[in-house]
C-alpha atoms as a PDB file:
ATOM      1  CA  MET A   1     -18.940  -5.040 -23.482  1.00  0.00           C
ATOM      2  CA  LYS A   2     -17.502  -3.500 -20.315  1.00  0.00           C
ATOM      3  CA  ASP A   3     -14.412  -1.338 -19.940  1.00  0.00           C
ATOM      4  CA  TYR A   4     -12.371  -0.745 -16.786  1.00  0.00           C
ATOM      5  CA  MET A   5      -9.590   1.670 -15.896  1.00  0.00           C
ATOM      6  CA  ALA A   6      -6.647  -0.117 -14.292  1.00  0.00           C
ATOM      7  CA  PRO A   7      -5.187   1.178 -11.036  1.00  0.00           C
ATOM      8  CA  MET A   8      -1.814   2.878 -11.533  1.00  0.00           C
ATOM      9  CA  GLU A   9      -0.142   4.370  -8.491  1.00  0.00           C
ATOM     10  CA  GLY A  10       0.527   8.088  -8.836  1.00  0.00           C
ATOM     11  CA  ILE A  11      -1.515   8.416 -12.026  1.00  0.00           C
ATOM     12  CA  THR A  12      -5.097   7.114 -11.981  1.00  0.00           C
ATOM     13  CA  ASN A  13      -6.125   8.938  -8.842  1.00  0.00           C
ATOM     14  CA  TYR A  14      -9.457  10.709  -8.424  1.00  0.00           C
ATOM     15  CA  ILE A  15      -8.185  13.847 -10.188  1.00  0.00           C
ATOM     16  CA  TYR A  16      -7.317  11.820 -13.266  1.00  0.00           C
ATOM     17  CA  ARG A  17     -10.470   9.674 -13.144  1.00  0.00           C
ATOM     18  CA  ASN A  18     -12.806  12.650 -12.962  1.00  0.00           C
ATOM     19  CA  ALA A  19     -11.098  14.416 -15.850  1.00  0.00           C
ATOM     20  CA  TYR A  20     -11.155  11.238 -17.924  1.00  0.00           C
ATOM     21  CA  HIS A  21     -14.847  10.675 -17.212  1.00  0.00           C
ATOM     22  CA  GLN A  22     -15.640  14.224 -18.303  1.00  0.00           C
ATOM     23  CA  PHE A  23     -13.846  14.132 -21.667  1.00  0.00           C
ATOM     24  CA  TYR A  24     -13.744  10.519 -22.838  1.00  0.00           C
ATOM     25  CA  HIS A  25     -15.869   7.399 -23.176  1.00  0.00           C
ATOM     26  CA  PRO A  26     -16.954   6.598 -19.613  1.00  0.00           C
ATOM     27  CA  MET A  27     -15.593   3.488 -17.967  1.00  0.00           C
ATOM     28  CA  ASP A  28     -17.907   0.925 -16.413  1.00  0.00           C
ATOM     29  CA  LYS A  29     -15.548   0.731 -13.422  1.00  0.00           C
ATOM     30  CA  TYR A  30     -12.584   2.718 -12.150  1.00  0.00           C
ATOM     31  CA  PHE A  31     -10.220   0.811  -9.854  1.00  0.00           C
ATOM     32  CA  THR A  32      -8.281   2.830  -7.301  1.00  0.00           C
ATOM     33  CA  PRO A  33      -4.541   2.511  -6.795  1.00  0.00           C
ATOM     34  CA  PHE A  34      -4.059  -0.022  -4.009  1.00  0.00           C
ATOM     35  CA  ILE A  35      -4.755   0.740  -0.386  1.00  0.00           C
ATOM     36  CA  SER A  36      -2.335  -1.047   1.933  1.00  0.00           C
ATOM     37  CA  ALA A  37      -4.297  -2.866   4.642  1.00  0.00           C
ATOM     38  CA  LYS A  38      -2.642  -2.905   8.050  1.00  0.00           C
ATOM     39  CA  PRO A  39      -3.657  -3.751  11.632  1.00  0.00           C
ATOM     40  CA  ASN A  40      -5.941  -1.076  13.104  1.00  0.00           C
ATOM     41  CA  LYS A  41      -6.147   0.553   9.699  1.00  0.00           C
ATOM     42  CA  ARG A  42      -7.445   4.092   9.379  1.00  0.00           C
ATOM     43  CA  LEU A  43      -7.668   5.664   5.964  1.00  0.00           C
ATOM     44  CA  SER A  44      -5.331   8.569   5.268  1.00  0.00           C
ATOM     45  CA  PHE A  45      -6.573  11.858   3.816  1.00  0.00           C
ATOM     46  CA  LYS A  46      -5.244  10.761   0.416  1.00  0.00           C
ATOM     47  CA  GLU A  47      -7.045   7.401   0.640  1.00  0.00           C
ATOM     48  CA  ILE A  48     -10.287   9.027   1.729  1.00  0.00           C
ATOM     49  CA  ASN A  49     -10.236  11.215  -1.380  1.00  0.00           C
ATOM     50  CA  GLU A  50      -9.695   8.116  -3.497  1.00  0.00           C
ATOM     51  CA  VAL A  51     -12.758   6.289  -2.174  1.00  0.00           C
ATOM     52  CA  SER A  52     -15.132   9.053  -1.072  1.00  0.00           C
ATOM     53  CA  PRO A  53     -18.422   9.424  -2.983  1.00  0.00           C
ATOM     54  CA  GLU A  54     -17.968  13.201  -2.819  1.00  0.00           C
ATOM     55  CA  THR A  55     -14.769  13.120  -4.878  1.00  0.00           C
ATOM     56  CA  ASN A  56     -16.005  10.457  -7.307  1.00  0.00           C
ATOM     57  CA  GLN A  57     -19.496  11.621  -8.207  1.00  0.00           C
ATOM     58  CA  GLY A  58     -21.022   9.696 -11.080  1.00  0.00           C
ATOM     59  CA  LEU A  59     -18.161   7.188 -11.197  1.00  0.00           C
ATOM     60  CA  ARG A  60     -18.367   3.485 -10.345  1.00  0.00           C
ATOM     61  CA  VAL A  61     -15.247   3.186  -8.207  1.00  0.00           C
ATOM     62  CA  VAL A  62     -13.827  -0.079  -6.868  1.00  0.00           C
ATOM     63  CA  PRO A  63     -11.194   0.210  -4.114  1.00  0.00           C
ATOM     64  CA  GLN A  64      -8.247  -2.143  -4.483  1.00  0.00           C
ATOM     65  CA  ILE A  65      -6.642  -3.599  -1.355  1.00  0.00           C
ATOM     66  CA  LEU A  66      -3.068  -4.882  -0.984  1.00  0.00           C
ATOM     67  CA  THR A  67      -2.251  -7.314   1.833  1.00  0.00           C
ATOM     68  CA  ASN A  68      -1.506 -10.958   2.617  1.00  0.00           C
ATOM     69  CA  CYS A  69      -3.333 -10.884   5.943  1.00  0.00           C
ATOM     70  CA  ALA A  70      -7.013 -11.878   5.813  1.00  0.00           C
ATOM     71  CA  GLU A  71      -7.935 -10.030   8.994  1.00  0.00           C
ATOM     72  CA  ASP A  72      -6.414  -6.793   7.712  1.00  0.00           C
ATOM     73  CA  PHE A  73      -8.183  -7.211   4.370  1.00  0.00           C
ATOM     74  CA  MET A  74     -11.548  -7.719   6.058  1.00  0.00           C
ATOM     75  CA  GLN A  75     -11.097  -4.779   8.421  1.00  0.00           C
ATOM     76  CA  THR A  76     -10.246  -2.425   5.553  1.00  0.00           C
ATOM     77  CA  ALA A  77     -13.072  -3.787   3.390  1.00  0.00           C
ATOM     78  CA  ARG A  78     -15.580  -3.151   6.194  1.00  0.00           C
ATOM     79  CA  ILE A  79     -14.375   0.449   6.549  1.00  0.00           C
ATOM     80  CA  LEU A  80     -14.831   0.937   2.805  1.00  0.00           C
ATOM     81  CA  ASN A  81     -18.302  -0.571   2.990  1.00  0.00           C
ATOM     82  CA  GLU A  82     -19.649   0.934   6.194  1.00  0.00           C
ATOM     83  CA  GLU A  83     -18.116   4.417   5.959  1.00  0.00           C
ATOM     84  CA  TYR A  84     -17.979   4.996   2.193  1.00  0.00           C
ATOM     85  CA  GLY A  85     -20.678   2.736   0.777  1.00  0.00           C
ATOM     86  CA  HIS A  86     -18.554   0.423  -1.353  1.00  0.00           C
ATOM     87  CA  ARG A  87     -20.155  -2.951  -2.037  1.00  0.00           C
ATOM     88  CA  GLU A  88     -17.197  -4.310  -4.024  1.00  0.00           C
ATOM     89  CA  VAL A  89     -13.508  -4.461  -3.168  1.00  0.00           C
ATOM     90  CA  ASN A  90     -10.658  -5.813  -5.256  1.00  0.00           C
ATOM     91  CA  LEU A  91      -7.706  -7.911  -4.073  1.00  0.00           C
ATOM     92  CA  ASN A  92      -4.343  -7.018  -5.610  1.00  0.00           C
ATOM     93  CA  LEU A  93      -2.470 -10.179  -6.637  1.00  0.00           C
ATOM     94  CA  GLY A  94      -0.871  -8.509  -9.627  1.00  0.00           C
ATOM     95  CA  CYS A  95       1.612  -5.841  -8.528  1.00  0.00           C
ATOM     96  CA  PRO A  96       5.086  -6.973  -9.699  1.00  0.00           C
ATOM     97  CA  SER A  97       7.095  -4.331  -7.825  1.00  0.00           C
ATOM     98  CA  GLY A  98      10.015  -5.800  -5.904  1.00  0.00           C
ATOM     99  CA  THR A  99       9.255  -3.754  -2.792  1.00  0.00           C
ATOM    100  CA  VAL A 100       5.763  -5.301  -2.734  1.00  0.00           C
ATOM    101  CA  THR A 101       6.551  -8.877  -3.762  1.00  0.00           C
ATOM    102  CA  ALA A 102       9.462  -9.131  -1.308  1.00  0.00           C
ATOM    103  CA  LYS A 103       6.863  -8.896   1.465  1.00  0.00           C
ATOM    104  CA  GLY A 104       4.767 -11.694  -0.061  1.00  0.00           C
ATOM    105  CA  LYS A 105       2.114  -9.278  -1.306  1.00  0.00           C
ATOM    106  CA  GLY A 106       0.757  -8.470  -4.757  1.00  0.00           C
ATOM    107  CA  ALA A 107       2.087 -10.965  -7.302  1.00  0.00           C
ATOM    108  CA  GLY A 108       4.462 -12.221  -4.601  1.00  0.00           C
ATOM    109  CA  PHE A 109       1.502 -13.813  -2.793  1.00  0.00           C
ATOM    110  CA  LEU A 110       1.057 -16.154  -5.775  1.00  0.00           C
ATOM    111  CA  GLY A 111       4.259 -17.924  -4.756  1.00  0.00           C
ATOM    112  CA  GLU A 112       2.567 -19.210  -1.583  1.00  0.00           C
ATOM    113  CA  PRO A 113      -0.534 -21.014  -2.875  1.00  0.00           C
ATOM    114  CA  GLU A 114      -1.327 -22.779   0.402  1.00  0.00           C
ATOM    115  CA  LYS A 115      -1.269 -19.501   2.308  1.00  0.00           C
ATOM    116  CA  LEU A 116      -3.267 -17.807  -0.462  1.00  0.00           C
ATOM    117  CA  GLU A 117      -5.957 -20.483  -0.277  1.00  0.00           C
ATOM    118  CA  VAL A 118      -6.333 -20.046   3.490  1.00  0.00           C
ATOM    119  CA  PHE A 119      -6.512 -16.272   2.968  1.00  0.00           C
ATOM    120  CA  LEU A 120      -9.268 -16.602   0.359  1.00  0.00           C
ATOM    121  CA  ASP A 121     -11.190 -19.073   2.545  1.00  0.00           C
ATOM    122  CA  LYS A 122     -11.278 -16.489   5.328  1.00  0.00           C
ATOM    123  CA  ILE A 123     -12.225 -13.400   3.344  1.00  0.00           C
ATOM    124  CA  PHE A 124     -14.985 -15.073   1.312  1.00  0.00           C
ATOM    125  CA  ALA A 125     -16.447 -16.632   4.461  1.00  0.00           C
ATOM    126  CA  GLY A 126     -16.031 -13.491   6.571  1.00  0.00           C
ATOM    127  CA  LEU A 127     -17.307 -10.706   4.319  1.00  0.00           C
ATOM    128  CA  ASP A 128     -20.810 -10.048   3.045  1.00  0.00           C
ATOM    129  CA  MET A 129     -19.444  -8.054   0.112  1.00  0.00           C
ATOM    130  CA  GLU A 130     -18.558  -8.546  -3.527  1.00  0.00           C
ATOM    131  CA  ILE A 131     -14.894  -9.483  -3.914  1.00  0.00           C
ATOM    132  CA  SER A 132     -13.033  -9.344  -7.206  1.00  0.00           C
ATOM    133  CA  VAL A 133      -9.419 -10.349  -7.752  1.00  0.00           C
ATOM    134  CA  LYS A 134      -6.747  -8.925 -10.069  1.00  0.00           C
ATOM    135  CA  THR A 135      -4.049 -11.505 -10.677  1.00  0.00           C
ATOM    136  CA  ARG A 136      -0.983 -12.435 -12.627  1.00  0.00           C
ATOM    137  CA  ILE A 137      -0.488 -16.079 -13.584  1.00  0.00           C
ATOM    138  CA  GLY A 138       2.427 -16.879 -11.275  1.00  0.00           C
ATOM    139  CA  THR A 139       5.689 -15.625  -9.854  1.00  0.00           C
ATOM    140  CA  ASP A 140       8.612 -17.238 -11.686  1.00  0.00           C
ATOM    141  CA  TYR A 141       6.951 -19.868 -13.841  1.00  0.00           C
ATOM    142  CA  GLU A 142       3.831 -20.150 -15.965  1.00  0.00           C
ATOM    143  CA  ASP A 143       3.532 -23.677 -14.556  1.00  0.00           C
ATOM    144  CA  ASP A 144       2.129 -22.025 -11.394  1.00  0.00           C
ATOM    145  CA  TRP A 145      -1.085 -21.200 -13.239  1.00  0.00           C
ATOM    146  CA  PRO A 146      -2.962 -24.558 -13.138  1.00  0.00           C
ATOM    147  CA  ARG A 147      -2.533 -24.674  -9.362  1.00  0.00           C
ATOM    148  CA  LEU A 148      -3.803 -21.104  -9.029  1.00  0.00           C
ATOM    149  CA  LEU A 149      -6.798 -21.849 -11.253  1.00  0.00           C
ATOM    150  CA  LYS A 150      -7.676 -24.800  -9.041  1.00  0.00           C
ATOM    151  CA  ILE A 151      -7.748 -22.399  -6.092  1.00  0.00           C
ATOM    152  CA  TYR A 152      -9.654 -19.638  -7.858  1.00  0.00           C
ATOM    153  CA  GLU A 153     -12.446 -21.907  -9.072  1.00  0.00           C
ATOM    154  CA  LYS A 154     -13.481 -22.565  -5.458  1.00  0.00           C
ATOM    155  CA  TYR A 155     -14.699 -19.041  -4.723  1.00  0.00           C
ATOM    156  CA  PRO A 156     -17.740 -16.938  -5.723  1.00  0.00           C
ATOM    157  CA  MET A 157     -15.703 -14.033  -7.068  1.00  0.00           C
ATOM    158  CA  LYS A 158     -17.422 -10.997  -8.512  1.00  0.00           C
ATOM    159  CA  GLU A 159     -14.891 -11.385 -11.301  1.00  0.00           C
ATOM    160  CA  LEU A 160     -11.291 -12.391 -11.930  1.00  0.00           C
ATOM    161  CA  ILE A 161      -9.147  -9.837 -13.753  1.00  0.00           C
ATOM    162  CA  ILE A 162      -6.244 -11.610 -15.437  1.00  0.00           C
ATOM    163  CA  HIS A 163      -2.997  -9.999 -16.525  1.00  0.00           C
ATOM    164  CA  PRO A 164      -1.398 -13.044 -18.181  1.00  0.00           C
ATOM    165  CA  ARG A 165       2.202 -12.380 -17.267  1.00  0.00           C
ATOM    166  CA  ILE A 166       4.242 -13.852 -14.438  1.00  0.00           C
ATOM    167  CA  GLN A 167       5.681 -11.573 -11.780  1.00  0.00           C
ATOM    168  CA  LYS A 168       9.243 -11.683 -13.102  1.00  0.00           C
ATOM    169  CA  ASP A 169       8.040 -10.519 -16.548  1.00  0.00           C
ATOM    170  CA  TYR A 170       7.099  -7.160 -15.041  1.00  0.00           C
ATOM    171  CA  TYR A 171       5.764  -5.556 -18.248  1.00  0.00           C
ATOM    172  CA  LYS A 172       8.248  -7.190 -20.616  1.00  0.00           C
ATOM    173  CA  ASN A 173       7.639 -10.025 -23.058  1.00  0.00           C
ATOM    174  CA  LYS A 174       4.246 -10.746 -24.536  1.00  0.00           C
ATOM    175  CA  PRO A 175       1.144 -11.590 -22.481  1.00  0.00           C
ATOM    176  CA  ARG A 176       0.840 -15.375 -22.209  1.00  0.00           C
ATOM    177  CA  LEU A 177      -2.491 -15.724 -23.943  1.00  0.00           C
ATOM    178  CA  SER A 178      -2.571 -19.512 -23.595  1.00  0.00           C
ATOM    179  CA  ALA A 179      -2.982 -18.943 -19.853  1.00  0.00           C
ATOM    180  CA  PHE A 180      -5.996 -16.693 -20.436  1.00  0.00           C
ATOM    181  CA  ARG A 181      -7.494 -19.331 -22.733  1.00  0.00           C
ATOM    182  CA  GLU A 182      -7.012 -21.970 -20.046  1.00  0.00           C
ATOM    183  CA  ALA A 183      -8.844 -19.769 -17.547  1.00  0.00           C
ATOM    184  CA  GLN A 184     -11.768 -19.325 -19.959  1.00  0.00           C
ATOM    185  CA  GLU A 185     -12.007 -23.071 -20.383  1.00  0.00           C
ATOM    186  CA  ARG A 186     -11.835 -23.932 -16.672  1.00  0.00           C
ATOM    187  CA  LEU A 187     -13.469 -21.137 -14.694  1.00  0.00           C
ATOM    188  CA  LYS A 188     -17.130 -20.251 -14.358  1.00  0.00           C
ATOM    189  CA  VAL A 189     -16.556 -16.868 -12.696  1.00  0.00           C
ATOM    190  CA  PRO A 190     -16.706 -13.753 -14.930  1.00  0.00           C
ATOM    191  CA  LEU A 191     -13.303 -12.931 -16.424  1.00  0.00           C
ATOM    192  CA  CYS A 192     -11.729  -9.631 -17.410  1.00  0.00           C
ATOM    193  CA  TYR A 193      -8.682  -9.378 -19.674  1.00  0.00           C
ATOM    194  CA  ASN A 194      -5.839  -6.958 -18.927  1.00  0.00           C
ATOM    195  CA  GLY A 195      -2.581  -6.550 -20.816  1.00  0.00           C
ATOM    196  CA  ASP A 196      -0.985  -4.768 -23.796  1.00  0.00           C
ATOM    197  CA  LEU A 197      -4.090  -3.134 -25.236  1.00  0.00           C
ATOM    198  CA  PHE A 198      -2.386  -0.087 -26.732  1.00  0.00           C
ATOM    199  CA  THR A 199      -4.358   0.525 -29.935  1.00  0.00           C
ATOM    200  CA  PRO A 200      -7.767  -0.277 -31.427  1.00  0.00           C
ATOM    201  CA  ARG A 201      -5.941  -2.807 -33.602  1.00  0.00           C
ATOM    202  CA  ASP A 202      -4.636  -4.595 -30.494  1.00  0.00           C
ATOM    203  CA  TYR A 203      -8.214  -4.799 -29.248  1.00  0.00           C
ATOM    204  CA  GLU A 204      -9.510  -6.100 -32.579  1.00  0.00           C
ATOM    205  CA  GLU A 205      -6.820  -8.765 -32.805  1.00  0.00           C
ATOM    206  CA  PHE A 206      -7.455  -9.910 -29.259  1.00  0.00           C
ATOM    207  CA  THR A 207     -11.236 -10.111 -29.641  1.00  0.00           C
ATOM    208  CA  ALA A 208     -10.843 -12.005 -32.916  1.00  0.00           C
ATOM    209  CA  GLU A 209      -8.882 -14.645 -31.015  1.00  0.00           C
ATOM    210  CA  PHE A 210     -11.023 -14.503 -27.865  1.00  0.00           C
ATOM    211  CA  PRO A 211     -14.563 -13.609 -29.011  1.00  0.00           C
ATOM    212  CA  ARG A 212     -16.124 -14.710 -25.711  1.00  0.00           C
ATOM    213  CA  THR A 213     -14.310 -11.990 -23.778  1.00  0.00           C
ATOM    214  CA  GLU A 214     -16.679  -9.184 -22.791  1.00  0.00           C
ATOM    215  CA  THR A 215     -14.721  -7.224 -20.170  1.00  0.00           C
ATOM    216  CA  PHE A 216     -11.455  -5.368 -20.621  1.00  0.00           C
ATOM    217  CA  MET A 217      -9.136  -3.440 -18.324  1.00  0.00           C
ATOM    218  CA  TYR A 218      -6.855  -0.769 -19.784  1.00  0.00           C
ATOM    219  CA  GLY A 219      -3.675   0.481 -18.134  1.00  0.00           C
ATOM    220  CA  ARG A 220      -0.534   1.819 -19.810  1.00  0.00           C
ATOM    221  CA  GLY A 221      -2.194   2.004 -23.241  1.00  0.00           C
ATOM    222  CA  LEU A 222      -4.968   4.221 -21.902  1.00  0.00           C
ATOM    223  CA  ILE A 223      -2.602   6.546 -20.051  1.00  0.00           C
ATOM    224  CA  ALA A 224      -0.577   6.989 -23.240  1.00  0.00           C
ATOM    225  CA  ASP A 225      -3.726   7.554 -25.301  1.00  0.00           C
ATOM    226  CA  PRO A 226      -6.714   8.601 -23.174  1.00  0.00           C
ATOM    227  CA  GLY A 227      -8.875   8.442 -26.311  1.00  0.00           C
ATOM    228  CA  LEU A 228      -8.190   4.722 -26.797  1.00  0.00           C
ATOM    229  CA  VAL A 229     -11.468   3.358 -25.469  1.00  0.00           C
ATOM    230  CA  THR A 230     -13.429   6.167 -27.129  1.00  0.00           C
ATOM    231  CA  ALA A 231     -11.878   5.149 -30.453  1.00  0.00           C
ATOM    232  CA  ILE A 232     -12.622   1.463 -29.809  1.00  0.00           C
ATOM    233  CA  ARG A 233     -16.257   2.036 -28.840  1.00  0.00           C
ATOM    234  CA  THR A 234     -17.176   4.825 -31.256  1.00  0.00           C
ATOM    235  CA  GLY A 235     -14.797   4.212 -34.160  1.00  0.00           C
ATOM    236  CA  SER A 236     -13.531   7.788 -33.969  1.00  0.00           C
ATOM    237  CA  ALA A 237     -10.423   9.123 -32.209  1.00  0.00           C
ATOM    238  CA  PRO A 238     -11.210  12.233 -30.084  1.00  0.00           C
ATOM    239  CA  GLY A 239      -8.159  14.173 -31.274  1.00  0.00           C
ATOM    240  CA  LYS A 240      -5.798  16.846 -30.025  1.00  0.00           C
ATOM    241  CA  LYS A 241      -8.378  19.449 -28.967  1.00  0.00           C
ATOM    242  CA  VAL A 242      -9.996  17.028 -26.519  1.00  0.00           C
ATOM    243  CA  LEU A 243      -6.597  15.916 -25.206  1.00  0.00           C
ATOM    244  CA  ARG A 244      -5.672  19.541 -24.557  1.00  0.00           C
ATOM    245  CA  ALA A 245      -8.888  20.155 -22.606  1.00  0.00           C
ATOM    246  CA  PHE A 246      -8.299  16.937 -20.649  1.00  0.00           C
ATOM    247  CA  HIS A 247      -4.728  17.968 -19.847  1.00  0.00           C
ATOM    248  CA  ASP A 248      -5.794  21.452 -18.776  1.00  0.00           C
ATOM    249  CA  LYS A 249      -8.443  20.048 -16.432  1.00  0.00           C
ATOM    250  CA  ILE A 250      -5.937  17.787 -14.685  1.00  0.00           C
ATOM    251  CA  TYR A 251      -3.328  20.545 -14.554  1.00  0.00           C
ATOM    252  CA  GLY A 252      -5.768  23.048 -13.070  1.00  0.00           C
ATOM    253  CA  ASP A 253      -7.084  20.595 -10.491  1.00  0.00           C
ATOM    254  CA  TYR A 254      -3.563  19.694  -9.362  1.00  0.00           C
ATOM    255  CA  GLN A 255      -2.746  23.371  -8.895  1.00  0.00           C
ATOM    256  CA  GLU A 256      -5.769  23.683  -6.608  1.00  0.00           C
ATOM    257  CA  LEU A 257      -4.973  20.486  -4.694  1.00  0.00           C
ATOM    258  CA  LEU A 258      -1.202  20.520  -4.297  1.00  0.00           C
ATOM    259  CA  SER A 259       1.054  23.075  -2.650  1.00  0.00           C
ATOM    260  CA  GLY A 260       4.167  24.174  -4.498  1.00  0.00           C
ATOM    261  CA  GLU A 261       5.062  24.178  -8.163  1.00  0.00           C
ATOM    262  CA  ARG A 262       7.362  21.179  -7.762  1.00  0.00           C
ATOM    263  CA  ASN A 263       4.550  18.859  -6.669  1.00  0.00           C
ATOM    264  CA  VAL A 264       2.328  19.887  -9.578  1.00  0.00           C
ATOM    265  CA  LEU A 265       5.158  19.443 -12.051  1.00  0.00           C
ATOM    266  CA  PHE A 266       6.023  16.015 -10.697  1.00  0.00           C
ATOM    267  CA  ARG A 267       2.479  14.787 -11.336  1.00  0.00           C
ATOM    268  CA  MET A 268       2.266  16.278 -14.815  1.00  0.00           C
ATOM    269  CA  LYS A 269       5.670  14.990 -15.861  1.00  0.00           C
ATOM    270  CA  GLU A 270       4.583  11.474 -14.898  1.00  0.00           C
ATOM    271  CA  LEU A 271       1.695  11.765 -17.346  1.00  0.00           C
ATOM    272  CA  TRP A 272       3.924  13.057 -20.126  1.00  0.00           C
ATOM    273  CA  ASN A 273       6.210  10.048 -19.765  1.00  0.00           C
ATOM    274  CA  TYR A 274       3.295   8.092 -21.232  1.00  0.00           C
ATOM    275  CA  MET A 275       1.555  10.679 -23.427  1.00  0.00           C
ATOM    276  CA  ALA A 276       4.470  12.368 -25.207  1.00  0.00           C
ATOM    277  CA  PRO A 277       5.297   9.433 -27.559  1.00  0.00           C
ATOM    278  CA  THR A 278       1.805   9.650 -29.066  1.00  0.00           C
ATOM    279  CA  PHE A 279       2.838  12.937 -30.745  1.00  0.00           C
ATOM    280  CA  THR A 280       4.904  13.287 -33.916  1.00  0.00           C
ATOM    281  CA  HIS A 281       8.559  14.271 -33.399  1.00  0.00           C
ATOM    282  CA  TYR A 282       7.960  14.436 -29.659  1.00  0.00           C
ATOM    283  CA  GLU A 283      11.486  13.856 -28.342  1.00  0.00           C
ATOM    284  CA  LYS A 284      12.768  17.423 -27.938  1.00  0.00           C
ATOM    285  CA  TYR A 285       9.441  18.577 -26.498  1.00  0.00           C
ATOM    286  CA  ALA A 286       9.371  15.735 -23.957  1.00  0.00           C
ATOM    287  CA  LYS A 287      12.917  16.602 -22.923  1.00  0.00           C
ATOM    288  CA  LYS A 288      11.964  20.250 -22.498  1.00  0.00           C
ATOM    289  CA  ILE A 289       8.908  19.368 -20.395  1.00  0.00           C
ATOM    290  CA  LYS A 290      11.027  17.070 -18.229  1.00  0.00           C
ATOM    291  CA  LYS A 291      13.566  19.838 -17.546  1.00  0.00           C
ATOM    292  CA  THR A 292      11.052  22.510 -16.534  1.00  0.00           C
ATOM    293  CA  GLN A 293      11.341  23.829 -12.987  1.00  0.00           C
ATOM    294  CA  HIS A 294       8.486  26.335 -12.953  1.00  0.00           C
ATOM    295  CA  LEU A 295       4.870  26.281 -14.069  1.00  0.00           C
ATOM    296  CA  ARG A 296       5.355  29.087 -16.587  1.00  0.00           C
ATOM    297  CA  GLU A 297       8.163  27.144 -18.295  1.00  0.00           C
ATOM    298  CA  TYR A 298       6.019  24.016 -18.249  1.00  0.00           C
ATOM    299  CA  GLU A 299       3.048  25.791 -19.825  1.00  0.00           C
ATOM    300  CA  SER A 300       5.240  27.181 -22.591  1.00  0.00           C
ATOM    301  CA  ALA A 301       6.711  23.746 -23.364  1.00  0.00           C
ATOM    302  CA  VAL A 302       3.286  22.120 -23.477  1.00  0.00           C
ATOM    303  CA  ASP A 303       1.909  24.907 -25.689  1.00  0.00           C
ATOM    304  CA  CYS A 304       4.728  24.315 -28.180  1.00  0.00           C
ATOM    305  CA  LEU A 305       4.061  20.593 -28.322  1.00  0.00           C
ATOM    306  CA  PHE A 306       0.348  21.025 -28.951  1.00  0.00           C
ATOM    307  CA  GLN A 307       0.845  23.805 -31.486  1.00  0.00           C
ATOM    308  CA  GLU A 308       3.698  22.317 -33.478  1.00  0.00           C
ATOM    309  CA  GLN A 309       3.053  18.559 -33.491  1.00  0.00           C
ATOM    310  CA  GLU A 310       0.174  16.223 -34.232  1.00  0.00           C
ATOM    311  CA  LEU A 311      -1.219  13.140 -32.548  1.00  0.00           C
ATOM    312  CA  MET A 312      -0.344   9.848 -34.178  1.00  0.00           C
ATOM    313  CA  VAL A 313      -3.308   8.033 -32.586  1.00  0.00           C
END
């Protein structure tokens, strides 16, 4: 079995990945939040930190690229390969954000299958690299999926990561598991499942229905409960003490990296949006953390939560 960390903008950056790798069951691959490919692309300081071997020591990191232009994709992929040593890049065909899809990128690209096919023809012919794809199953209709599968089966992908929702679902409704089953039946490329794995029970129920699946990507469920994969693979939840050490590592690293209390608090509050509901009676503590304006207030609010409540996972 293989486990991957999903890319989540603003959360699963190199600070988070390194802390996770230190305290929890290591992932087989960590996918970066997407890098937007543009003409004459040069990586920003932030992007360099995301993909640099120096800031990701001991981690198998796969950069994800967002674009609908083959030339821009190839130029960015070559930079990642030649300057930072990455042999694999991932194409983002899954982002459902309206600001992305309105430009025909991410899941929005799925609505133009002819253009997508030309794009894939070019990048697979033009790059001597491993290319994986993260995809949804369509834009507005699940009926898009058979056409997309017909396209995908043409290419020697490293793997196809499937989040079986359409773009307009965002993260609502249930994953459309019949679409994942259809992909297993039709495609020969390695597949990875992504979607609504929040608890070990979710994992067990999914693998009972899809026993051939060997690769899993975890997103929102892992951010809410960083011990999720540890519990799945070892049968034992890491607990509150490990979560506190994990939190403190991220918090300390952000204080070293970012200037100003506000920037540190913004990052930490994003994490607590996911993590707080895993504690008993969390509501008043989450509200207090959200209202903090200074690090000392934040530390006090977090101390109270850890001291007075227990993890439910």
